[in-house]
Amino acid sequence: MPYITARFSDELIADLDRTANELRRARSDLIREAVERYLESLKELHLAIGRTERADERVVEMEILKRHLVG
C-alpha cells in the first residue's frame, strides 16, 4: 500500500494519539478512515449540489443536508 507524508499541528497529533489509545487503534487507521469519510461526504455534497443546479430537480435529500449541516 502506498504511503503519504502529512504535517499536523502538535495539538491535532496529541488528540489523535489520545483517541487512538482510547480506541486501541493505530493512528494511521484513524487518519485513513477520516479521509475516506471526508471524501465520501464531499462526493455526496457535490451530488446534492448538482441536483439543485438542474431546473427539473431542486430537492436535496434531508438526511444528506442534515449530515453536512451538523458535520
PDB file of N, CA and C in Angstrom:
ATOM      1  N   MET A   1       0.855  -1.172   0.000  1.00  0.00           N
ATOM      2  CA  MET A   1       0.000   0.000   0.000  1.00  0.00           C
ATOM      3  C   MET A   1       0.899   1.233   0.000  1.00  0.00           C
ATOM      4  N   PRO A   2       0.651   2.183  -0.911  1.00  0.00           N
ATOM      5  CA  PRO A   2       1.450   3.414  -0.921  1.00  0.00           C
ATOM      6  C   PRO A   2       1.252   4.217   0.368  1.00  0.00           C
ATOM      7  N   TYR A   3       2.177   5.074   0.660  1.00  0.00           N
ATOM      8  CA  TYR A   3       2.052   5.918   1.837  1.00  0.00           C
ATOM      9  C   TYR A   3       2.277   7.373   1.455  1.00  0.00           C
ATOM     10  N   ILE A   4       1.800   8.259   2.322  1.00  0.00           N
ATOM     11  CA  ILE A   4       1.990   9.697   2.129  1.00  0.00           C
ATOM     12  C   ILE A   4       2.527  10.289   3.420  1.00  0.00           C
ATOM     13  N   THR A   5       3.048  11.486   3.308  1.00  0.00           N
ATOM     14  CA  THR A   5       3.507  12.223   4.476  1.00  0.00           C
ATOM     15  C   THR A   5       2.635  13.460   4.612  1.00  0.00           C
ATOM     16  N   ALA A   6       2.210  13.724   5.827  1.00  0.00           N
ATOM     17  CA  ALA A   6       1.380  14.907   6.076  1.00  0.00           C
ATOM     18  C   ALA A   6       1.870  15.580   7.351  1.00  0.00           C
ATOM     19  N   ARG A   7       1.655  16.868   7.435  1.00  0.00           N
ATOM     20  CA  ARG A   7       2.046  17.626   8.626  1.00  0.00           C
ATOM     21  C   ARG A   7       0.785  18.038   9.384  1.00  0.00           C
ATOM     22  N   PHE A   8       0.813  17.802  10.695  1.00  0.00           N
ATOM     23  CA  PHE A   8      -0.301  18.171  11.564  1.00  0.00           C
ATOM     24  C   PHE A   8       0.233  18.986  12.734  1.00  0.00           C
ATOM     25  N   SER A   9      -0.643  19.788  13.303  1.00  0.00           N
ATOM     26  CA  SER A   9      -0.249  20.564  14.480  1.00  0.00           C
ATOM     27  C   SER A   9       0.002  19.620  15.656  1.00  0.00           C
ATOM     28  N   ASP A  10       0.787  20.084  16.605  1.00  0.00           N
ATOM     29  CA  ASP A  10       1.054  19.281  17.806  1.00  0.00           C
ATOM     30  C   ASP A  10      -0.245  18.941  18.529  1.00  0.00           C
ATOM     31  N   GLU A  11      -1.155  19.907  18.565  1.00  0.00           N
ATOM     32  CA  GLU A  11      -2.438  19.688  19.234  1.00  0.00           C
ATOM     33  C   GLU A  11      -3.253  18.594  18.550  1.00  0.00           C
ATOM     34  N   LEU A  12      -3.282  18.617  17.233  1.00  0.00           N
ATOM     35  CA  LEU A  12      -4.026  17.595  16.491  1.00  0.00           C
ATOM     36  C   LEU A  12      -3.406  16.215  16.687  1.00  0.00           C
ATOM     37  N   ILE A  13      -2.085  16.131  16.684  1.00  0.00           N
ATOM     38  CA  ILE A  13      -1.413  14.852  16.901  1.00  0.00           C
ATOM     39  C   ILE A  13      -1.698  14.324  18.301  1.00  0.00           C
ATOM     40  N   ALA A  14      -1.665  15.212  19.289  1.00  0.00           N
ATOM     41  CA  ALA A  14      -1.954  14.791  20.661  1.00  0.00           C
ATOM     42  C   ALA A  14      -3.373  14.249  20.762  1.00  0.00           C
ATOM     43  N   ASP A  15      -4.325  14.934  20.132  1.00  0.00           N
ATOM     44  CA  ASP A  15      -5.713  14.480  20.141  1.00  0.00           C
ATOM     45  C   ASP A  15      -5.848  13.152  19.405  1.00  0.00           C
ATOM     46  N   LEU A  16      -5.178  13.036  18.282  1.00  0.00           N
ATOM     47  CA  LEU A  16      -5.194  11.803  17.506  1.00  0.00           C
ATOM     48  C   LEU A  16      -4.616  10.653  18.314  1.00  0.00           C
ATOM     49  N   ASP A  17      -3.487  10.860  18.954  1.00  0.00           N
ATOM     50  CA  ASP A  17      -2.861   9.814  19.762  1.00  0.00           C
ATOM     51  C   ASP A  17      -3.734   9.417  20.950  1.00  0.00           C
ATOM     52  N   ARG A  18      -4.329  10.389  21.593  1.00  0.00           N
ATOM     53  CA  ARG A  18      -5.215  10.117  22.725  1.00  0.00           C
ATOM     54  C   ARG A  18      -6.391   9.255  22.271  1.00  0.00           C
ATOM     55  N   THR A  19      -6.997   9.642  21.152  1.00  0.00           N
ATOM     56  CA  THR A  19      -8.138   8.896  20.620  1.00  0.00           C
ATOM     57  C   THR A  19      -7.724   7.495  20.182  1.00  0.00           C
ATOM     58  N   ALA A  20      -6.597   7.392  19.507  1.00  0.00           N
ATOM     59  CA  ALA A  20      -6.104   6.083  19.060  1.00  0.00           C
ATOM     60  C   ALA A  20      -5.859   5.165  20.257  1.00  0.00           C
ATOM     61  N   ASN A  21      -5.278   5.699  21.305  1.00  0.00           N
ATOM     62  CA  ASN A  21      -5.039   4.895  22.512  1.00  0.00           C
ATOM     63  C   ASN A  21      -6.343   4.457  23.152  1.00  0.00           C
ATOM     64  N   GLU A  22      -7.307   5.371  23.255  1.00  0.00           N
ATOM     65  CA  GLU A  22      -8.594   5.034  23.857  1.00  0.00           C
ATOM     66  C   GLU A  22      -9.317   3.935  23.072  1.00  0.00           C
ATOM     67  N   LEU A  23      -9.207   4.012  21.748  1.00  0.00           N
ATOM     68  CA  LEU A  23      -9.886   3.037  20.888  1.00  0.00           C
ATOM     69  C   LEU A  23      -9.026   1.807  20.600  1.00  0.00           C
ATOM     70  N   ARG A  24      -7.776   1.863  21.066  1.00  0.00           N
ATOM     71  CA  ARG A  24      -6.817   0.781  20.789  1.00  0.00           C
ATOM     72  C   ARG A  24      -6.698   0.517  19.290  1.00  0.00           C
ATOM     73  N   ARG A  25      -6.522   1.607  18.580  1.00  0.00           N
ATOM     74  CA  ARG A  25      -6.395   1.562  17.123  1.00  0.00           C
ATOM     75  C   ARG A  25      -5.104   2.263  16.736  1.00  0.00           C
ATOM     76  N   ALA A  26      -4.617   1.969  15.559  1.00  0.00           N
ATOM     77  CA  ALA A  26      -3.425   2.636  15.049  1.00  0.00           C
ATOM     78  C   ALA A  26      -3.784   4.044  14.579  1.00  0.00           C
ATOM     79  N   ARG A  27      -2.869   4.947  14.782  1.00  0.00           N
ATOM     80  CA  ARG A  27      -3.035   6.329  14.327  1.00  0.00           C
ATOM     81  C   ARG A  27      -3.357   6.360  12.836  1.00  0.00           C
ATOM     82  N   SER A  28      -2.645   5.578  12.051  1.00  0.00           N
ATOM     83  CA  SER A  28      -2.853   5.570  10.599  1.00  0.00           C
ATOM     84  C   SER A  28      -4.254   5.080  10.226  1.00  0.00           C
ATOM     85  N   ASP A  29      -4.799   4.140  11.005  1.00  0.00           N
ATOM     86  CA  ASP A  29      -6.166   3.671  10.734  1.00  0.00           C
ATOM     87  C   ASP A  29      -7.176   4.803  10.902  1.00  0.00           C
ATOM     88  N   LEU A  30      -7.013   5.572  11.969  1.00  0.00           N
ATOM     89  CA  LEU A  30      -7.942   6.683  12.214  1.00  0.00           C
ATOM     90  C   LEU A  30      -7.834   7.739  11.121  1.00  0.00           C
ATOM     91  N   ILE A  31      -6.624   8.037  10.704  1.00  0.00           N
ATOM     92  CA  ILE A  31      -6.430   9.041   9.648  1.00  0.00           C
ATOM     93  C   ILE A  31      -7.045   8.551   8.348  1.00  0.00           C
ATOM     94  N   ARG A  32      -6.784   7.295   7.991  1.00  0.00           N
ATOM     95  CA  ARG A  32      -7.322   6.737   6.746  1.00  0.00           C
ATOM     96  C   ARG A  32      -8.856   6.762   6.755  1.00  0.00           C
ATOM     97  N   GLU A  33      -9.458   6.330   7.866  1.00  0.00           N
ATOM     98  CA  GLU A  33     -10.918   6.346   7.963  1.00  0.00           C
ATOM     99  C   GLU A  33     -11.477   7.759   7.884  1.00  0.00           C
ATOM    100  N   ALA A  34     -10.809   8.703   8.523  1.00  0.00           N
ATOM    101  CA  ALA A  34     -11.279  10.090   8.489  1.00  0.00           C
ATOM    102  C   ALA A  34     -11.227  10.644   7.068  1.00  0.00           C
ATOM    103  N   VAL A  35     -10.155  10.370   6.355  1.00  0.00           N
ATOM    104  CA  VAL A  35     -10.032  10.862   4.979  1.00  0.00           C
ATOM    105  C   VAL A  35     -11.082  10.197   4.089  1.00  0.00           C
ATOM    106  N   GLU A  36     -11.272   8.887   4.253  1.00  0.00           N
ATOM    107  CA  GLU A  36     -12.287   8.187   3.454  1.00  0.00           C
ATOM    108  C   GLU A  36     -13.669   8.781   3.685  1.00  0.00           C
ATOM    109  N   ARG A  37     -14.023   9.024   4.936  1.00  0.00           N
ATOM    110  CA  ARG A  37     -15.342   9.599   5.258  1.00  0.00           C
ATOM    111  C   ARG A  37     -15.475  11.017   4.726  1.00  0.00           C
ATOM    112  N   TYR A  38     -14.418  11.790   4.838  1.00  0.00           N
ATOM    113  CA  TYR A  38     -14.446  13.162   4.342  1.00  0.00           C
ATOM    114  C   TYR A  38     -14.659  13.190   2.832  1.00  0.00           C
ATOM    115  N   LEU A  39     -13.923  12.347   2.118  1.00  0.00           N
ATOM    116  CA  LEU A  39     -14.066  12.310   0.656  1.00  0.00           C
ATOM    117  C   LEU A  39     -15.457  11.834   0.251  1.00  0.00           C
ATOM    118  N   GLU A  40     -15.997  10.867   0.969  1.00  0.00           N
ATOM    119  CA  GLU A  40     -17.360  10.402   0.672  1.00  0.00           C
ATOM    120  C   GLU A  40     -18.368  11.528   0.908  1.00  0.00           C
ATOM    121  N   SER A  41     -18.180  12.283   1.977  1.00  0.00           N
ATOM    122  CA  SER A  41     -19.067  13.419   2.257  1.00  0.00           C
ATOM    123  C   SER A  41     -18.986  14.460   1.149  1.00  0.00           C
ATOM    124  N   LEU A  42     -17.772  14.724   0.674  1.00  0.00           N
ATOM    125  CA  LEU A  42     -17.627  15.686  -0.416  1.00  0.00           C
ATOM    126  C   LEU A  42     -18.336  15.203  -1.672  1.00  0.00           C
ATOM    127  N   LYS A  43     -18.226  13.911  -1.972  1.00  0.00           N
ATOM    128  CA  LYS A  43     -18.906  13.350  -3.142  1.00  0.00           C
ATOM    129  C   LYS A  43     -20.418  13.505  -3.004  1.00  0.00           C
ATOM    130  N   GLU A  44     -20.942  13.189  -1.813  1.00  0.00           N
ATOM    131  CA  GLU A  44     -22.383  13.321  -1.587  1.00  0.00           C
ATOM    132  C   GLU A  44     -22.822  14.771  -1.706  1.00  0.00           C
ATOM    133  N   LEU A  45     -22.040  15.676  -1.155  1.00  0.00           N
ATOM    134  CA  LEU A  45     -22.372  17.093  -1.230  1.00  0.00           C
ATOM    135  C   LEU A  45     -22.346  17.565  -2.679  1.00  0.00           C
ATOM    136  N   HIS A  46     -21.339  17.135  -3.424  1.00  0.00           N
ATOM    137  CA  HIS A  46     -21.236  17.505  -4.839  1.00  0.00           C
ATOM    138  C   HIS A  46     -22.461  16.994  -5.609  1.00  0.00           C
ATOM    139  N   LEU A  47     -22.871  15.760  -5.339  1.00  0.00           N
ATOM    140  CA  LEU A  47     -24.060  15.217  -5.998  1.00  0.00           C
ATOM    141  C   LEU A  47     -25.303  16.018  -5.621  1.00  0.00           C
ATOM    142  N   ALA A  48     -25.413  16.375  -4.353  1.00  0.00           N
ATOM    143  CA  ALA A  48     -26.569  17.140  -3.898  1.00  0.00           C
ATOM    144  C   ALA A  48     -26.606  18.514  -4.559  1.00  0.00           C
ATOM    145  N   ILE A  49     -25.468  19.152  -4.647  1.00  0.00           N
ATOM    146  CA  ILE A  49     -25.402  20.470  -5.288  1.00  0.00           C
ATOM    147  C   ILE A  49     -25.738  20.334  -6.767  1.00  0.00           C
ATOM    148  N   GLY A  50     -25.230  19.292  -7.395  1.00  0.00           N
ATOM    149  CA  GLY A  50     -25.538  19.058  -8.805  1.00  0.00           C
ATOM    150  C   GLY A  50     -27.032  18.887  -9.037  1.00  0.00           C
ATOM    151  N   ARG A  51     -27.682  18.226  -8.098  1.00  0.00           N
ATOM    152  CA  ARG A  51     -29.135  18.042  -8.228  1.00  0.00           C
ATOM    153  C   ARG A  51     -29.864  19.371  -8.149  1.00  0.00           C
ATOM    154  N   THR A  52     -29.383  20.252  -7.275  1.00  0.00           N
ATOM    155  CA  THR A  52     -30.082  21.536  -7.118  1.00  0.00           C
ATOM    156  C   THR A  52     -29.841  22.463  -8.298  1.00  0.00           C
ATOM    157  N   GLU A  53     -28.760  22.236  -9.033  1.00  0.00           N
ATOM    158  CA  GLU A  53     -28.452  23.100 -10.172  1.00  0.00           C
ATOM    159  C   GLU A  53     -29.296  22.767 -11.395  1.00  0.00           C
ATOM    160  N   ARG A  54     -29.867  21.588 -11.426  1.00  0.00           N
ATOM    161  CA  ARG A  54     -30.720  21.219 -12.553  1.00  0.00           C
ATOM    162  C   ARG A  54     -32.127  21.773 -12.305  1.00  0.00           C
ATOM    163  N   ALA A  55     -32.682  22.382 -13.293  1.00  0.00           N
ATOM    164  CA  ALA A  55     -34.000  23.018 -13.161  1.00  0.00           C
ATOM    165  C   ALA A  55     -35.098  22.026 -12.832  1.00  0.00           C
ATOM    166  N   ASP A  56     -34.961  20.808 -13.306  1.00  0.00           N
ATOM    167  CA  ASP A  56     -36.028  19.820 -13.097  1.00  0.00           C
ATOM    168  C   ASP A  56     -35.906  19.095 -11.767  1.00  0.00           C
ATOM    169  N   GLU A  57     -34.840  19.312 -11.011  1.00  0.00           N
ATOM    170  CA  GLU A  57     -34.666  18.592  -9.751  1.00  0.00           C
ATOM    171  C   GLU A  57     -34.032  19.520  -8.721  1.00  0.00           C
ATOM    172  N   ARG A  58     -34.827  20.165  -7.909  1.00  0.00           N
ATOM    173  CA  ARG A  58     -34.333  21.140  -6.941  1.00  0.00           C
ATOM    174  C   ARG A  58     -34.469  20.648  -5.506  1.00  0.00           C
ATOM    175  N   VAL A  59     -34.448  19.350  -5.292  1.00  0.00           N
ATOM    176  CA  VAL A  59     -34.623  18.788  -3.963  1.00  0.00           C
ATOM    177  C   VAL A  59     -33.324  18.127  -3.509  1.00  0.00           C
ATOM    178  N   VAL A  60     -32.933  18.430  -2.280  1.00  0.00           N
ATOM    179  CA  VAL A  60     -31.786  17.778  -1.663  1.00  0.00           C
ATOM    180  C   VAL A  60     -32.347  16.861  -0.580  1.00  0.00           C
ATOM    181  N   GLU A  61     -31.869  15.621  -0.566  1.00  0.00           N
ATOM    182  CA  GLU A  61     -32.357  14.689   0.442  1.00  0.00           C
ATOM    183  C   GLU A  61     -32.051  15.230   1.828  1.00  0.00           C
ATOM    184  N   MET A  62     -33.049  15.182   2.715  1.00  0.00           N
ATOM    185  CA  MET A  62     -32.934  15.761   4.046  1.00  0.00           C
ATOM    186  C   MET A  62     -31.792  15.138   4.849  1.00  0.00           C
ATOM    187  N   GLU A  63     -31.579  13.828   4.743  1.00  0.00           N
ATOM    188  CA  GLU A  63     -30.514  13.187   5.506  1.00  0.00           C
ATOM    189  C   GLU A  63     -29.141  13.675   5.066  1.00  0.00           C
ATOM    190  N   ILE A  64     -28.946  13.880   3.784  1.00  0.00           N
ATOM    191  CA  ILE A  64     -27.665  14.396   3.296  1.00  0.00           C
ATOM    192  C   ILE A  64     -27.475  15.810   3.794  1.00  0.00           C
ATOM    193  N   LEU A  65     -28.500  16.623   3.718  1.00  0.00           N
ATOM    194  CA  LEU A  65     -28.426  18.005   4.176  1.00  0.00           C
ATOM    195  C   LEU A  65     -28.114  18.054   5.673  1.00  0.00           C
ATOM    196  N   LYS A  66     -28.797  17.233   6.473  1.00  0.00           N
ATOM    197  CA  LYS A  66     -28.541  17.196   7.912  1.00  0.00           C
ATOM    198  C   LYS A  66     -27.103  16.826   8.223  1.00  0.00           C
ATOM    199  N   ARG A  67     -26.576  15.805   7.538  1.00  0.00           N
ATOM    200  CA  ARG A  67     -25.206  15.369   7.786  1.00  0.00           C
ATOM    201  C   ARG A  67     -24.213  16.494   7.525  1.00  0.00           C
ATOM    202  N   HIS A  68     -24.446  17.268   6.477  1.00  0.00           N
ATOM    203  CA  HIS A  68     -23.494  18.330   6.135  1.00  0.00           C
ATOM    204  C   HIS A  68     -23.664  19.561   7.010  1.00  0.00           C
ATOM    205  N   LEU A  69     -24.855  19.807   7.501  1.00  0.00           N
ATOM    206  CA  LEU A  69     -25.063  20.934   8.384  1.00  0.00           C
ATOM    207  C   LEU A  69     -24.535  20.648   9.782  1.00  0.00           C
ATOM    208  N   VAL A  70     -24.714  19.420  10.240  1.00  0.00           N
ATOM    209  CA  VAL A  70     -24.284  19.044  11.586  1.00  0.00           C
ATOM    210  C   VAL A  70     -22.789  18.748  11.608  1.00  0.00           C
ATOM    211  N   GLY A  71     -22.275  18.187  10.520  1.00  0.00           N
ATOM    212  CA  GLY A  71     -20.845  17.906  10.430  1.00  0.00           C
ATOM    213  C   GLY A  71     -20.530  16.537  10.744  1.00  0.00           C
TER     214      GLY A  71
END
